Amino acid sequence: MPSVRIITTPQGEAPQWVREAWVGLVLPLSVSGYSAAGLGVLSRERSFGGYMVPTLHALRILEAKNADAAAWWYALYGKLDAADCLVFNDEACEYSAEDLGSLN
C-alpha cells in the first residue's frame, strides 16, 4: 500500500498545533491516492489538492503520537465513515510506493 510521510506542517484550516502534530507520521494512501481538490475542514469550501489518506487510519496513527490533536479531529467529525479521507497538500508530503503492510 503506497504511503506518504508528512515532512512539514500541512496546509489547512485546523489550528496550527493540530497541523504540526502530523509532521513525521507515515500515512497510508486511499485507493484513489490523489485528489485535485479537497474541502476545508471548517469552512467546507474547495481547497488545495493533494494526497488522500483514509481518515480513520490517519487518526489512529495521529492518536498514538498526540492524543489531543486526534481528539480535536474526533470532536470535529463525530462519527466517521470508513470511506472518509483527509487531503494533505503535496508540499507537506513525501510519497513512498513501499508497502506498509496491514493497518488495523
N, C-alpha and C. Protein backbone atom coordinates (compact mmCIF):
# COMPACT_ATOMS: atom_id res chain seq x y z
N MET A 1 0.85 -1.17 0.00
CA MET A 1 0.00 0.00 0.00
C MET A 1 0.90 1.24 0.00
N PRO A 2 0.80 2.09 -0.99
CA PRO A 2 1.59 3.32 -1.01
C PRO A 2 1.26 4.22 0.17
N SER A 3 2.21 5.06 0.53
CA SER A 3 2.02 5.93 1.69
C SER A 3 2.67 7.28 1.46
N VAL A 4 2.42 8.18 2.39
CA VAL A 4 3.10 9.47 2.42
C VAL A 4 3.63 9.71 3.82
N ARG A 5 4.80 10.31 3.89
CA ARG A 5 5.35 10.79 5.16
C ARG A 5 5.08 12.29 5.18
N ILE A 6 4.54 12.77 6.28
CA ILE A 6 4.30 14.21 6.42
C ILE A 6 5.63 14.83 6.86
N ILE A 7 6.19 15.68 5.99
CA ILE A 7 7.54 16.21 6.23
C ILE A 7 7.55 17.67 6.69
N THR A 8 6.43 18.35 6.56
CA THR A 8 6.33 19.73 7.02
C THR A 8 4.87 19.99 7.38
N THR A 9 4.62 21.04 8.14
CA THR A 9 3.26 21.33 8.59
C THR A 9 2.34 21.48 7.39
N PRO A 10 1.28 20.65 7.33
CA PRO A 10 0.37 20.73 6.19
C PRO A 10 -0.48 21.99 6.21
N GLN A 11 -0.95 22.38 5.03
CA GLN A 11 -1.90 23.48 4.92
C GLN A 11 -3.22 23.05 5.51
N GLY A 12 -4.09 24.01 5.77
CA GLY A 12 -5.43 23.65 6.20
C GLY A 12 -6.01 24.61 7.20
N GLU A 13 -7.22 24.31 7.60
CA GLU A 13 -7.97 25.17 8.50
C GLU A 13 -7.91 24.72 9.95
N ALA A 14 -7.34 23.56 10.21
CA ALA A 14 -7.16 23.11 11.59
C ALA A 14 -6.18 24.06 12.28
N PRO A 15 -6.26 24.17 13.62
CA PRO A 15 -5.30 25.02 14.33
C PRO A 15 -3.85 24.59 14.04
N GLN A 16 -2.95 25.53 14.13
CA GLN A 16 -1.53 25.28 13.85
C GLN A 16 -1.00 24.09 14.65
N TRP A 17 -1.29 24.03 15.95
CA TRP A 17 -0.76 22.95 16.79
C TRP A 17 -1.27 21.58 16.34
N VAL A 18 -2.49 21.53 15.83
CA VAL A 18 -3.05 20.27 15.34
C VAL A 18 -2.35 19.88 14.04
N ARG A 19 -2.16 20.84 13.13
CA ARG A 19 -1.49 20.55 11.86
C ARG A 19 -0.04 20.14 12.09
N GLU A 20 0.64 20.76 13.05
CA GLU A 20 2.03 20.42 13.36
C GLU A 20 2.16 18.99 13.88
N ALA A 21 1.12 18.47 14.53
CA ALA A 21 1.17 17.12 15.09
C ALA A 21 1.31 16.04 14.02
N TRP A 22 0.92 16.34 12.77
CA TRP A 22 1.04 15.37 11.69
C TRP A 22 2.49 15.15 11.23
N VAL A 23 3.38 16.13 11.48
CA VAL A 23 4.74 16.06 10.96
C VAL A 23 5.46 14.82 11.50
N GLY A 24 6.05 14.07 10.57
CA GLY A 24 6.81 12.87 10.91
C GLY A 24 6.03 11.58 10.76
N LEU A 25 4.71 11.67 10.66
CA LEU A 25 3.90 10.46 10.55
C LEU A 25 3.89 9.90 9.13
N VAL A 26 3.81 8.59 9.03
CA VAL A 26 3.67 7.90 7.75
C VAL A 26 2.23 7.41 7.68
N LEU A 27 1.53 7.84 6.63
CA LEU A 27 0.11 7.56 6.49
C LEU A 27 -0.17 6.80 5.20
N PRO A 28 -1.08 5.83 5.26
CA PRO A 28 -1.43 5.08 4.05
C PRO A 28 -2.25 5.95 3.10
N LEU A 29 -2.06 5.76 1.82
CA LEU A 29 -2.90 6.46 0.84
C LEU A 29 -4.19 5.70 0.64
N SER A 30 -5.24 6.44 0.31
CA SER A 30 -6.51 5.79 -0.04
C SER A 30 -6.34 5.13 -1.40
N VAL A 31 -7.32 4.35 -1.79
CA VAL A 31 -7.29 3.69 -3.10
C VAL A 31 -7.16 4.73 -4.20
N SER A 32 -7.85 5.86 -4.06
CA SER A 32 -7.78 6.93 -5.06
C SER A 32 -6.41 7.58 -5.07
N GLY A 33 -5.78 7.72 -3.91
CA GLY A 33 -4.42 8.22 -3.81
C GLY A 33 -4.25 9.72 -3.91
N TYR A 34 -4.91 10.35 -4.86
CA TYR A 34 -4.68 11.78 -5.09
C TYR A 34 -5.99 12.47 -5.44
N SER A 35 -6.15 13.68 -4.96
CA SER A 35 -7.34 14.47 -5.26
C SER A 35 -6.94 15.82 -5.82
N ALA A 36 -7.62 16.28 -6.85
CA ALA A 36 -7.32 17.59 -7.43
C ALA A 36 -7.75 18.72 -6.51
N ALA A 37 -8.68 18.45 -5.61
CA ALA A 37 -9.14 19.47 -4.66
C ALA A 37 -9.76 18.79 -3.46
N GLY A 38 -9.62 19.43 -2.32
CA GLY A 38 -10.25 18.95 -1.10
C GLY A 38 -11.21 20.01 -0.60
N LEU A 39 -11.82 19.74 0.54
CA LEU A 39 -12.71 20.70 1.17
C LEU A 39 -12.09 21.14 2.48
N GLY A 40 -12.25 22.42 2.81
CA GLY A 40 -11.78 22.91 4.10
C GLY A 40 -12.51 22.19 5.22
N VAL A 41 -11.81 21.85 6.30
CA VAL A 41 -12.44 21.09 7.38
C VAL A 41 -13.39 21.94 8.21
N LEU A 42 -13.23 23.26 8.18
CA LEU A 42 -14.12 24.14 8.92
C LEU A 42 -15.10 24.85 8.00
N SER A 43 -14.60 25.41 6.92
CA SER A 43 -15.46 26.19 6.01
C SER A 43 -16.20 25.32 5.01
N ARG A 44 -15.68 24.11 4.76
CA ARG A 44 -16.21 23.19 3.74
C ARG A 44 -16.11 23.77 2.33
N GLU A 45 -15.28 24.81 2.16
CA GLU A 45 -15.05 25.38 0.83
C GLU A 45 -13.96 24.58 0.14
N ARG A 46 -13.99 24.62 -1.21
CA ARG A 46 -12.95 23.96 -2.01
C ARG A 46 -11.59 24.50 -1.62
N SER A 47 -10.64 23.61 -1.51
CA SER A 47 -9.32 23.98 -1.06
C SER A 47 -8.28 23.37 -2.00
N PHE A 48 -7.05 23.28 -1.55
CA PHE A 48 -5.95 22.73 -2.33
C PHE A 48 -6.14 21.25 -2.62
N GLY A 49 -5.42 20.74 -3.59
CA GLY A 49 -5.39 19.32 -3.88
C GLY A 49 -4.23 18.66 -3.16
N GLY A 50 -4.19 17.36 -3.21
CA GLY A 50 -3.08 16.66 -2.58
C GLY A 50 -3.36 15.19 -2.39
N TYR A 51 -2.59 14.57 -1.52
CA TYR A 51 -2.69 13.14 -1.26
C TYR A 51 -3.85 12.84 -0.31
N MET A 52 -4.65 11.82 -0.69
CA MET A 52 -5.79 11.42 0.12
C MET A 52 -5.41 10.24 1.01
N VAL A 53 -5.71 10.38 2.31
CA VAL A 53 -5.46 9.30 3.26
C VAL A 53 -6.77 8.96 3.97
N PRO A 54 -7.01 7.68 4.25
CA PRO A 54 -8.23 7.31 4.97
C PRO A 54 -8.24 7.94 6.36
N THR A 55 -9.29 8.67 6.66
CA THR A 55 -9.36 9.42 7.92
C THR A 55 -9.23 8.53 9.14
N LEU A 56 -9.94 7.42 9.18
CA LEU A 56 -9.89 6.55 10.36
C LEU A 56 -8.48 6.03 10.64
N HIS A 57 -7.78 5.57 9.61
CA HIS A 57 -6.40 5.10 9.79
C HIS A 57 -5.49 6.24 10.22
N ALA A 58 -5.64 7.39 9.56
CA ALA A 58 -4.79 8.54 9.88
C ALA A 58 -4.97 8.98 11.33
N LEU A 59 -6.21 9.03 11.80
CA LEU A 59 -6.45 9.47 13.17
C LEU A 59 -5.94 8.47 14.20
N ARG A 60 -6.00 7.18 13.89
CA ARG A 60 -5.42 6.19 14.81
C ARG A 60 -3.90 6.38 14.92
N ILE A 61 -3.26 6.66 13.80
CA ILE A 61 -1.81 6.88 13.80
C ILE A 61 -1.50 8.17 14.54
N LEU A 62 -2.26 9.23 14.29
CA LEU A 62 -2.06 10.51 14.98
C LEU A 62 -2.28 10.35 16.49
N GLU A 63 -3.29 9.60 16.86
CA GLU A 63 -3.62 9.41 18.28
C GLU A 63 -2.46 8.80 19.06
N ALA A 64 -1.70 7.91 18.43
CA ALA A 64 -0.55 7.29 19.08
C ALA A 64 0.55 8.32 19.37
N LYS A 65 0.62 9.36 18.55
CA LYS A 65 1.63 10.40 18.73
C LYS A 65 1.12 11.54 19.58
N ASN A 66 -0.12 11.97 19.33
CA ASN A 66 -0.65 13.16 20.00
C ASN A 66 -2.16 13.00 20.19
N ALA A 67 -2.54 12.49 21.34
CA ALA A 67 -3.96 12.20 21.61
C ALA A 67 -4.82 13.47 21.58
N ASP A 68 -4.26 14.60 22.00
CA ASP A 68 -5.04 15.85 21.99
C ASP A 68 -5.36 16.29 20.56
N ALA A 69 -4.40 16.17 19.66
CA ALA A 69 -4.63 16.54 18.26
C ALA A 69 -5.68 15.61 17.64
N ALA A 70 -5.58 14.32 17.92
CA ALA A 70 -6.57 13.38 17.40
C ALA A 70 -7.95 13.70 17.97
N ALA A 71 -8.02 14.07 19.25
CA ALA A 71 -9.29 14.40 19.88
C ALA A 71 -9.94 15.62 19.21
N TRP A 72 -9.11 16.57 18.75
CA TRP A 72 -9.66 17.74 18.04
C TRP A 72 -10.39 17.27 16.78
N TRP A 73 -9.78 16.34 16.03
CA TRP A 73 -10.40 15.82 14.81
C TRP A 73 -11.65 15.02 15.13
N TYR A 74 -11.60 14.15 16.15
CA TYR A 74 -12.77 13.36 16.51
C TYR A 74 -13.94 14.26 16.91
N ALA A 75 -13.65 15.32 17.65
CA ALA A 75 -14.71 16.26 18.06
C ALA A 75 -15.30 16.97 16.85
N LEU A 76 -14.48 17.27 15.87
CA LEU A 76 -14.94 17.96 14.67
C LEU A 76 -15.83 17.07 13.83
N TYR A 77 -15.42 15.83 13.64
CA TYR A 77 -16.13 14.92 12.74
C TYR A 77 -17.25 14.13 13.39
N GLY A 78 -17.15 13.87 14.68
CA GLY A 78 -18.15 12.99 15.29
C GLY A 78 -17.99 11.59 14.75
N LYS A 79 -19.04 11.04 14.16
CA LYS A 79 -18.98 9.70 13.59
C LYS A 79 -18.32 9.74 12.22
N LEU A 80 -17.34 8.88 12.03
CA LEU A 80 -16.61 8.82 10.77
C LEU A 80 -17.01 7.59 9.98
N ASP A 81 -17.04 7.74 8.68
CA ASP A 81 -17.31 6.65 7.76
C ASP A 81 -15.98 6.11 7.26
N ALA A 82 -15.90 4.83 7.00
CA ALA A 82 -14.66 4.22 6.53
C ALA A 82 -14.18 4.81 5.21
N ALA A 83 -15.07 5.41 4.44
CA ALA A 83 -14.71 5.99 3.15
C ALA A 83 -14.19 7.43 3.27
N ASP A 84 -14.29 8.04 4.45
CA ASP A 84 -13.83 9.42 4.63
C ASP A 84 -12.32 9.52 4.43
N CYS A 85 -11.89 10.63 3.82
CA CYS A 85 -10.46 10.86 3.59
C CYS A 85 -10.06 12.27 3.99
N LEU A 86 -8.83 12.40 4.42
CA LEU A 86 -8.20 13.71 4.62
C LEU A 86 -7.29 13.95 3.43
N VAL A 87 -7.10 15.22 3.07
CA VAL A 87 -6.22 15.56 1.94
C VAL A 87 -5.05 16.38 2.49
N PHE A 88 -3.83 15.92 2.20
CA PHE A 88 -2.61 16.61 2.61
C PHE A 88 -1.94 17.18 1.37
N ASN A 89 -1.62 18.47 1.40
CA ASN A 89 -1.02 19.14 0.25
C ASN A 89 0.33 18.53 -0.14
N ASP A 90 0.61 18.57 -1.44
CA ASP A 90 1.84 17.97 -2.00
C ASP A 90 3.11 18.37 -1.25
N GLU A 91 3.25 19.66 -0.98
CA GLU A 91 4.48 20.18 -0.39
C GLU A 91 4.74 19.64 1.01
N ALA A 92 3.71 19.19 1.69
CA ALA A 92 3.86 18.67 3.05
C ALA A 92 4.22 17.19 3.06
N CYS A 93 4.19 16.54 1.89
CA CYS A 93 4.30 15.08 1.83
C CYS A 93 5.51 14.59 1.05
N GLU A 94 5.96 13.42 1.45
CA GLU A 94 6.97 12.67 0.71
C GLU A 94 6.33 11.33 0.37
N TYR A 95 6.14 11.08 -0.91
CA TYR A 95 5.46 9.87 -1.38
C TYR A 95 6.37 8.66 -1.28
N SER A 96 5.80 7.52 -0.95
CA SER A 96 6.53 6.26 -0.95
C SER A 96 5.63 5.17 -1.53
N ALA A 97 6.15 4.39 -2.44
CA ALA A 97 5.40 3.28 -3.03
C ALA A 97 5.55 2.00 -2.20
N GLU A 98 6.32 2.06 -1.11
CA GLU A 98 6.56 0.87 -0.30
C GLU A 98 5.28 0.42 0.38
N ASP A 99 5.17 -0.90 0.57
CA ASP A 99 4.02 -1.48 1.23
C ASP A 99 4.15 -1.29 2.74
N LEU A 100 3.10 -0.72 3.35
CA LEU A 100 3.10 -0.53 4.80
C LEU A 100 2.64 -1.78 5.55
N GLY A 101 2.15 -2.76 4.83
CA GLY A 101 1.60 -3.94 5.47
C GLY A 101 0.18 -3.66 5.92
N SER A 102 -0.35 -4.51 6.75
CA SER A 102 -1.73 -4.39 7.22
C SER A 102 -1.85 -3.31 8.29
N LEU A 103 -2.83 -2.43 8.12
CA LEU A 103 -3.12 -1.42 9.13
C LEU A 103 -4.45 -1.75 9.76
N ASN A 104 -4.47 -2.05 11.04
CA ASN A 104 -5.73 -2.40 11.71
C ASN A 104 -6.18 -1.31 12.61
